[in-house]
Amino acid sequence: MALSYKARRRWSLVILLVAMPLYVIVALNIVALFERPSMLVELLIYVGLGVAWVLPLKSIFKGVGQADPDAKSDDSSRLD
């Protein structure tokens, strides 16, 4: 079942305000468990983790910044 525009918008807000900070804390703790082999390896780990969170959530964020496609347009009430 596909989520409606309003549901995707609400879920995206919850993800960005609640889940993202938690994900950042977990990612930092995971990286802190390993010794720092080099700055480049650490950077690659952060970039990988930064991309990994968005892949499963791509469908929720897609089109959220656009106007609601299900909303009725007010063009019929306009007088030109």
N, C-alpha and C. Protein backbone atom coordinates (compact mmCIF):
# COMPACT_ATOMS: atom_id res chain seq x y z
N MET A 1 0.83 -1.17 0.00
CA MET A 1 0.00 0.00 0.00
C MET A 1 0.88 1.24 0.00
N ALA A 2 0.65 2.11 -0.92
CA ALA A 2 1.43 3.35 -1.04
C ALA A 2 0.93 4.38 -0.03
N LEU A 3 1.85 5.13 0.50
CA LEU A 3 1.50 6.18 1.45
C LEU A 3 0.96 7.40 0.71
N SER A 4 0.03 8.07 1.34
CA SER A 4 -0.50 9.30 0.74
C SER A 4 0.55 10.40 0.88
N TYR A 5 0.30 11.49 0.20
CA TYR A 5 1.24 12.63 0.25
C TYR A 5 1.37 13.16 1.68
N LYS A 6 0.25 13.30 2.37
CA LYS A 6 0.28 13.83 3.74
C LYS A 6 1.01 12.86 4.68
N ALA A 7 0.81 11.57 4.50
CA ALA A 7 1.48 10.59 5.35
C ALA A 7 2.99 10.60 5.09
N ARG A 8 3.38 10.68 3.82
CA ARG A 8 4.81 10.76 3.51
C ARG A 8 5.43 12.01 4.09
N ARG A 9 4.68 13.10 4.05
CA ARG A 9 5.19 14.36 4.59
C ARG A 9 5.37 14.28 6.11
N ARG A 10 4.42 13.68 6.78
CA ARG A 10 4.52 13.52 8.24
C ARG A 10 5.66 12.58 8.61
N TRP A 11 5.76 11.46 7.92
CA TRP A 11 6.83 10.51 8.21
C TRP A 11 8.20 11.12 7.93
N SER A 12 8.31 11.90 6.90
CA SER A 12 9.60 12.53 6.61
C SER A 12 10.00 13.49 7.72
N LEU A 13 9.04 14.20 8.28
CA LEU A 13 9.32 15.10 9.39
C LEU A 13 9.77 14.32 10.63
N VAL A 14 9.09 13.22 10.93
CA VAL A 14 9.48 12.38 12.07
C VAL A 14 10.88 11.81 11.87
N ILE A 15 11.16 11.37 10.67
CA ILE A 15 12.47 10.80 10.38
C ILE A 15 13.56 11.84 10.56
N LEU A 16 13.34 13.04 10.04
CA LEU A 16 14.37 14.08 10.12
C LEU A 16 14.55 14.63 11.53
N LEU A 17 13.49 14.73 12.31
CA LEU A 17 13.59 15.32 13.64
C LEU A 17 13.91 14.33 14.75
N VAL A 18 13.54 13.05 14.58
CA VAL A 18 13.74 12.07 15.64
C VAL A 18 14.77 11.01 15.23
N ALA A 19 14.55 10.38 14.09
CA ALA A 19 15.40 9.26 13.71
C ALA A 19 16.80 9.68 13.28
N MET A 20 16.91 10.80 12.59
CA MET A 20 18.24 11.24 12.12
C MET A 20 19.20 11.54 13.27
N PRO A 21 18.81 12.30 14.29
CA PRO A 21 19.74 12.50 15.41
C PRO A 21 20.15 11.19 16.09
N LEU A 22 19.19 10.27 16.23
CA LEU A 22 19.53 8.97 16.81
C LEU A 22 20.50 8.20 15.93
N TYR A 23 20.30 8.27 14.62
CA TYR A 23 21.19 7.60 13.68
C TYR A 23 22.60 8.19 13.75
N VAL A 24 22.69 9.49 13.88
CA VAL A 24 24.00 10.14 13.97
C VAL A 24 24.73 9.71 15.23
N ILE A 25 24.02 9.64 16.34
CA ILE A 25 24.63 9.20 17.59
C ILE A 25 25.12 7.76 17.49
N VAL A 26 24.30 6.90 16.91
CA VAL A 26 24.71 5.49 16.74
C VAL A 26 25.90 5.38 15.80
N ALA A 27 25.89 6.14 14.70
CA ALA A 27 27.01 6.10 13.75
C ALA A 27 28.30 6.57 14.40
N LEU A 28 28.24 7.63 15.18
CA LEU A 28 29.43 8.13 15.87
C LEU A 28 29.97 7.10 16.87
N ASN A 29 29.07 6.45 17.58
CA ASN A 29 29.51 5.43 18.54
C ASN A 29 30.11 4.21 17.84
N ILE A 30 29.58 3.84 16.70
CA ILE A 30 30.13 2.71 15.95
C ILE A 30 31.53 3.05 15.45
N VAL A 31 31.71 4.23 14.91
CA VAL A 31 33.02 4.64 14.40
C VAL A 31 34.02 4.77 15.55
N ALA A 32 33.56 5.19 16.72
CA ALA A 32 34.44 5.34 17.88
C ALA A 32 34.94 4.00 18.41
N LEU A 33 34.25 2.91 18.09
CA LEU A 33 34.68 1.59 18.54
C LEU A 33 35.97 1.13 17.86
N PHE A 34 36.21 1.60 16.66
CA PHE A 34 37.38 1.19 15.90
C PHE A 34 38.52 2.17 16.11
N GLU A 35 39.74 1.64 16.00
CA GLU A 35 40.88 2.55 16.03
C GLU A 35 40.89 3.36 14.75
N ARG A 36 41.46 4.50 14.82
CA ARG A 36 41.46 5.40 13.67
C ARG A 36 42.65 5.05 12.78
N PRO A 37 42.40 4.26 11.72
CA PRO A 37 43.52 3.87 10.85
C PRO A 37 44.06 5.05 10.04
N SER A 38 43.18 5.82 9.49
CA SER A 38 43.58 7.03 8.77
C SER A 38 42.37 7.93 8.62
N MET A 39 42.64 9.17 8.34
CA MET A 39 41.56 10.15 8.17
C MET A 39 40.70 9.80 6.96
N LEU A 40 41.31 9.28 5.90
CA LEU A 40 40.58 8.94 4.69
C LEU A 40 39.61 7.79 4.92
N VAL A 41 40.03 6.78 5.68
CA VAL A 41 39.15 5.65 5.97
C VAL A 41 37.96 6.11 6.81
N GLU A 42 38.23 6.96 7.78
CA GLU A 42 37.15 7.48 8.61
C GLU A 42 36.17 8.31 7.79
N LEU A 43 36.70 9.11 6.89
CA LEU A 43 35.85 9.90 6.00
C LEU A 43 34.98 9.00 5.12
N LEU A 44 35.55 7.94 4.59
CA LEU A 44 34.79 7.00 3.75
C LEU A 44 33.70 6.30 4.56
N ILE A 45 33.97 5.99 5.82
CA ILE A 45 32.96 5.37 6.68
C ILE A 45 31.80 6.34 6.90
N TYR A 46 32.11 7.60 7.19
CA TYR A 46 31.05 8.59 7.40
C TYR A 46 30.25 8.84 6.14
N VAL A 47 30.90 8.89 5.00
CA VAL A 47 30.19 9.08 3.73
C VAL A 47 29.29 7.88 3.45
N GLY A 48 29.81 6.67 3.69
CA GLY A 48 29.01 5.46 3.49
C GLY A 48 27.79 5.42 4.40
N LEU A 49 27.99 5.76 5.67
CA LEU A 49 26.86 5.80 6.60
C LEU A 49 25.89 6.93 6.25
N GLY A 50 26.40 8.02 5.72
CA GLY A 50 25.55 9.13 5.32
C GLY A 50 24.65 8.79 4.15
N VAL A 51 25.12 7.94 3.27
CA VAL A 51 24.32 7.52 2.11
C VAL A 51 23.42 6.34 2.48
N ALA A 52 23.87 5.50 3.38
CA ALA A 52 23.15 4.26 3.71
C ALA A 52 21.77 4.53 4.33
N TRP A 53 21.62 5.59 5.07
CA TRP A 53 20.33 5.82 5.73
C TRP A 53 19.25 6.25 4.75
N VAL A 54 19.63 6.88 3.66
CA VAL A 54 18.63 7.43 2.75
C VAL A 54 18.12 6.38 1.75
N LEU A 55 18.89 5.37 1.47
CA LEU A 55 18.48 4.39 0.45
C LEU A 55 17.15 3.70 0.78
N PRO A 56 16.95 3.19 1.99
CA PRO A 56 15.64 2.56 2.25
C PRO A 56 14.50 3.57 2.42
N LEU A 57 14.82 4.83 2.66
CA LEU A 57 13.79 5.84 2.91
C LEU A 57 13.54 6.75 1.71
N LYS A 58 14.13 6.41 0.58
CA LYS A 58 14.03 7.24 -0.62
C LYS A 58 12.58 7.47 -1.05
N SER A 59 11.76 6.44 -0.96
CA SER A 59 10.38 6.56 -1.43
C SER A 59 9.56 7.49 -0.54
N ILE A 60 9.93 7.62 0.73
CA ILE A 60 9.19 8.52 1.62
C ILE A 60 9.49 9.97 1.30
N PHE A 61 10.77 10.27 1.02
CA PHE A 61 11.18 11.64 0.78
C PHE A 61 10.91 12.13 -0.64
N LYS A 62 10.64 11.22 -1.55
CA LYS A 62 10.47 11.60 -2.95
C LYS A 62 9.20 12.43 -3.15
N GLY A 63 9.36 13.65 -3.64
CA GLY A 63 8.23 14.51 -3.96
C GLY A 63 7.63 15.26 -2.79
N VAL A 64 8.23 15.18 -1.60
CA VAL A 64 7.66 15.84 -0.44
C VAL A 64 7.75 17.36 -0.56
N GLY A 65 8.76 17.86 -1.23
CA GLY A 65 8.92 19.30 -1.39
C GLY A 65 8.03 19.90 -2.46
N GLN A 66 7.33 19.08 -3.19
CA GLN A 66 6.45 19.55 -4.25
C GLN A 66 5.07 19.88 -3.68
N ALA A 67 4.25 20.50 -4.48
CA ALA A 67 2.87 20.77 -4.08
C ALA A 67 2.10 19.47 -4.00
N ASP A 68 1.07 19.45 -3.18
CA ASP A 68 0.25 18.25 -3.01
C ASP A 68 -0.43 17.89 -4.33
N PRO A 69 -0.11 16.72 -4.88
CA PRO A 69 -0.72 16.35 -6.17
C PRO A 69 -2.20 16.01 -6.05
N ASP A 70 -2.68 15.71 -4.85
CA ASP A 70 -4.08 15.35 -4.67
C ASP A 70 -4.96 16.55 -4.34
N ALA A 71 -4.35 17.70 -4.10
CA ALA A 71 -5.13 18.89 -3.75
C ALA A 71 -5.87 19.40 -4.97
N LYS A 72 -7.06 19.88 -4.73
CA LYS A 72 -7.86 20.45 -5.82
C LYS A 72 -7.33 21.84 -6.13
N SER A 73 -7.22 22.14 -7.37
CA SER A 73 -6.72 23.47 -7.76
C SER A 73 -7.84 24.50 -7.61
N ASP A 74 -7.43 25.73 -7.34
CA ASP A 74 -8.39 26.83 -7.19
C ASP A 74 -8.54 27.63 -8.47
N ASP A 75 -8.16 27.06 -9.59
CA ASP A 75 -8.23 27.77 -10.87
C ASP A 75 -9.67 28.07 -11.28
N SER A 76 -10.63 27.26 -10.88
CA SER A 76 -12.01 27.47 -11.30
C SER A 76 -12.62 28.69 -10.63
N SER A 77 -12.10 29.09 -9.48
CA SER A 77 -12.68 30.24 -8.78
C SER A 77 -12.01 31.55 -9.17
N ARG A 78 -10.96 31.49 -9.96
CA ARG A 78 -10.25 32.70 -10.36
C ARG A 78 -10.97 33.39 -11.52
N LEU A 79 -11.00 34.69 -11.46
CA LEU A 79 -11.57 35.47 -12.56
C LEU A 79 -10.43 36.15 -13.28
N ASP A 80 -10.27 35.85 -14.54
CA ASP A 80 -9.18 36.44 -15.33
C ASP A 80 -9.67 37.54 -16.20
